[in-house]
N, C-alpha and C. Protein backbone atom coordinates (compact mmCIF):
# COMPACT_ATOMS: atom_id res chain seq x y z
N MET A 1 -33.98 14.34 -3.77
CA MET A 1 -32.87 14.26 -2.84
C MET A 1 -32.02 13.05 -3.19
N ALA A 2 -30.72 13.22 -3.13
CA ALA A 2 -29.79 12.15 -3.48
C ALA A 2 -29.84 11.04 -2.43
N GLU A 3 -29.69 9.82 -2.91
CA GLU A 3 -29.66 8.67 -2.00
C GLU A 3 -28.29 8.56 -1.35
N LEU A 4 -28.27 8.27 -0.08
CA LEU A 4 -27.00 8.13 0.64
C LEU A 4 -26.32 6.82 0.24
N PRO A 5 -24.98 6.84 0.15
CA PRO A 5 -24.27 5.61 -0.20
C PRO A 5 -24.30 4.61 0.95
N GLU A 6 -24.20 3.34 0.59
CA GLU A 6 -24.15 2.30 1.61
C GLU A 6 -22.78 2.31 2.28
N LEU A 7 -22.78 2.38 3.61
CA LEU A 7 -21.54 2.41 4.36
C LEU A 7 -21.29 1.05 5.00
N LEU A 8 -20.03 0.64 4.98
CA LEU A 8 -19.62 -0.62 5.58
C LEU A 8 -18.70 -0.35 6.76
N THR A 9 -18.80 -1.17 7.78
CA THR A 9 -17.88 -1.09 8.91
C THR A 9 -16.57 -1.74 8.50
N PRO A 10 -15.49 -1.51 9.23
CA PRO A 10 -14.24 -2.21 8.94
C PRO A 10 -14.42 -3.74 9.01
N GLU A 11 -15.23 -4.21 9.95
CA GLU A 11 -15.46 -5.65 10.07
C GLU A 11 -16.16 -6.21 8.83
N GLU A 12 -17.17 -5.50 8.35
CA GLU A 12 -17.88 -5.94 7.14
C GLU A 12 -16.96 -5.90 5.92
N THR A 13 -16.18 -4.84 5.82
CA THR A 13 -15.26 -4.69 4.69
C THR A 13 -14.20 -5.78 4.70
N ALA A 14 -13.60 -6.02 5.87
CA ALA A 14 -12.58 -7.06 5.98
C ALA A 14 -13.16 -8.43 5.64
N ASP A 15 -14.34 -8.72 6.13
CA ASP A 15 -14.99 -10.00 5.86
C ASP A 15 -15.24 -10.15 4.35
N TRP A 16 -15.75 -9.10 3.72
CA TRP A 16 -16.07 -9.15 2.29
C TRP A 16 -14.80 -9.35 1.45
N LEU A 17 -13.69 -8.75 1.89
CA LEU A 17 -12.42 -8.85 1.15
C LEU A 17 -11.59 -10.08 1.55
N GLY A 18 -11.99 -10.75 2.62
CA GLY A 18 -11.23 -11.91 3.08
C GLY A 18 -9.91 -11.53 3.70
N MET A 19 -9.91 -10.45 4.44
CA MET A 19 -8.70 -10.00 5.12
C MET A 19 -9.05 -9.64 6.56
N SER A 20 -8.06 -9.32 7.33
CA SER A 20 -8.31 -9.00 8.73
C SER A 20 -8.59 -7.51 8.91
N VAL A 21 -9.30 -7.22 9.98
CA VAL A 21 -9.56 -5.82 10.35
C VAL A 21 -8.23 -5.13 10.65
N GLU A 22 -7.29 -5.87 11.23
CA GLU A 22 -5.97 -5.31 11.54
C GLU A 22 -5.23 -4.88 10.27
N SER A 23 -5.37 -5.66 9.19
CA SER A 23 -4.74 -5.29 7.92
C SER A 23 -5.33 -3.99 7.37
N LEU A 24 -6.63 -3.85 7.45
CA LEU A 24 -7.27 -2.61 7.01
C LEU A 24 -6.76 -1.44 7.85
N SER A 25 -6.69 -1.65 9.15
CA SER A 25 -6.22 -0.61 10.05
C SER A 25 -4.77 -0.22 9.74
N GLN A 26 -3.93 -1.21 9.51
CA GLN A 26 -2.53 -0.95 9.19
C GLN A 26 -2.41 -0.18 7.87
N ASN A 27 -3.20 -0.55 6.88
CA ASN A 27 -3.17 0.16 5.59
C ASN A 27 -3.61 1.61 5.75
N ARG A 28 -4.62 1.85 6.60
CA ARG A 28 -5.03 3.24 6.86
C ARG A 28 -3.89 4.01 7.53
N TYR A 29 -3.24 3.39 8.49
CA TYR A 29 -2.15 4.02 9.22
C TYR A 29 -0.98 4.36 8.29
N LEU A 30 -0.62 3.43 7.42
CA LEU A 30 0.52 3.62 6.52
C LEU A 30 0.18 4.51 5.34
N ARG A 31 -1.10 4.63 5.02
CA ARG A 31 -1.56 5.41 3.87
C ARG A 31 -0.79 5.05 2.61
N ASN A 32 -0.67 3.76 2.37
CA ASN A 32 0.06 3.31 1.20
C ASN A 32 -0.88 3.07 0.02
N ASP A 33 -0.35 2.54 -1.07
CA ASP A 33 -1.17 2.32 -2.27
C ASP A 33 -2.21 1.22 -2.07
N LYS A 34 -2.13 0.51 -0.98
CA LYS A 34 -3.13 -0.52 -0.69
C LYS A 34 -4.28 0.02 0.16
N THR A 35 -4.25 1.31 0.45
CA THR A 35 -5.28 1.91 1.29
C THR A 35 -6.57 2.08 0.50
N ILE A 36 -7.62 1.45 0.99
CA ILE A 36 -8.94 1.61 0.39
C ILE A 36 -9.50 2.94 0.91
N PRO A 37 -10.09 3.75 0.03
CA PRO A 37 -10.66 5.01 0.50
C PRO A 37 -11.64 4.77 1.66
N TYR A 38 -11.57 5.62 2.66
CA TYR A 38 -12.44 5.48 3.82
C TYR A 38 -12.85 6.86 4.31
N LEU A 39 -13.78 6.90 5.21
CA LEU A 39 -14.17 8.15 5.81
C LEU A 39 -14.35 7.97 7.30
N LYS A 40 -14.32 9.07 8.00
CA LYS A 40 -14.53 9.04 9.44
C LYS A 40 -15.89 9.68 9.72
N VAL A 41 -16.69 8.98 10.51
CA VAL A 41 -17.96 9.50 10.99
C VAL A 41 -17.78 9.62 12.49
N GLY A 42 -17.47 10.82 12.94
CA GLY A 42 -17.05 10.98 14.33
C GLY A 42 -15.72 10.26 14.48
N LYS A 43 -15.64 9.31 15.40
CA LYS A 43 -14.42 8.53 15.58
C LYS A 43 -14.48 7.20 14.84
N ARG A 44 -15.59 6.93 14.22
CA ARG A 44 -15.78 5.64 13.55
C ARG A 44 -15.31 5.67 12.11
N VAL A 45 -14.67 4.60 11.68
CA VAL A 45 -14.22 4.45 10.30
C VAL A 45 -15.32 3.73 9.52
N ARG A 46 -15.60 4.24 8.34
CA ARG A 46 -16.57 3.60 7.46
C ARG A 46 -16.01 3.59 6.04
N TYR A 47 -16.44 2.60 5.29
CA TYR A 47 -16.06 2.46 3.88
C TYR A 47 -17.32 2.57 3.05
N ILE A 48 -17.25 3.33 1.97
CA ILE A 48 -18.38 3.40 1.05
C ILE A 48 -18.30 2.17 0.15
N LYS A 49 -19.38 1.42 0.11
CA LYS A 49 -19.40 0.15 -0.62
C LYS A 49 -18.91 0.32 -2.07
N ASP A 50 -19.38 1.36 -2.74
CA ASP A 50 -18.96 1.59 -4.14
C ASP A 50 -17.45 1.83 -4.24
N ASP A 51 -16.85 2.47 -3.24
CA ASP A 51 -15.40 2.69 -3.23
C ASP A 51 -14.65 1.37 -3.09
N VAL A 52 -15.17 0.47 -2.25
CA VAL A 52 -14.54 -0.83 -2.06
C VAL A 52 -14.60 -1.63 -3.36
N ILE A 53 -15.76 -1.62 -4.00
CA ILE A 53 -15.91 -2.34 -5.28
C ILE A 53 -14.98 -1.74 -6.33
N ALA A 54 -14.90 -0.42 -6.41
CA ALA A 54 -14.01 0.24 -7.39
C ALA A 54 -12.55 -0.11 -7.10
N TYR A 55 -12.18 -0.17 -5.82
CA TYR A 55 -10.81 -0.53 -5.44
C TYR A 55 -10.48 -1.94 -5.92
N VAL A 56 -11.40 -2.86 -5.70
CA VAL A 56 -11.19 -4.26 -6.12
C VAL A 56 -11.03 -4.33 -7.63
N LYS A 57 -11.89 -3.64 -8.35
CA LYS A 57 -11.82 -3.66 -9.83
C LYS A 57 -10.51 -3.02 -10.32
N ALA A 58 -10.07 -1.96 -9.67
CA ALA A 58 -8.85 -1.26 -10.09
C ALA A 58 -7.60 -2.08 -9.80
N ASN A 59 -7.69 -3.00 -8.86
CA ASN A 59 -6.52 -3.79 -8.49
C ASN A 59 -6.58 -5.21 -9.02
N ARG A 60 -7.45 -5.43 -9.97
CA ARG A 60 -7.56 -6.75 -10.60
C ARG A 60 -6.33 -6.99 -11.47
N ILE A 61 -5.81 -8.18 -11.37
CA ILE A 61 -4.66 -8.55 -12.17
C ILE A 61 -5.11 -9.55 -13.23
N SER A 62 -4.92 -9.19 -14.46
CA SER A 62 -5.31 -10.07 -15.56
C SER A 62 -4.15 -10.97 -15.94
N THR A 63 -4.44 -12.24 -16.16
CA THR A 63 -3.40 -13.19 -16.55
C THR A 63 -3.15 -13.16 -18.05
N GLY A 64 -3.99 -12.47 -18.78
CA GLY A 64 -3.82 -12.39 -20.22
C GLY A 64 -4.25 -13.63 -20.97
N ALA A 65 -4.86 -14.57 -20.26
CA ALA A 65 -5.30 -15.82 -20.90
C ALA A 65 -6.67 -15.70 -21.48
């Protein structure tokens, strides 16, 4: 049986990224390019930890140094 992915709450995700829960909420509402993939479990928002890590890696800016 496949292992379930680790789910993070918006509070955990915001804390890990150093941003506010309100910013995450606004990004979900706007559905812009800064929106981290998320899922709904009932009425609750959750983030898959691997998706958050992939988002961070995909948005890394290299200085070329």
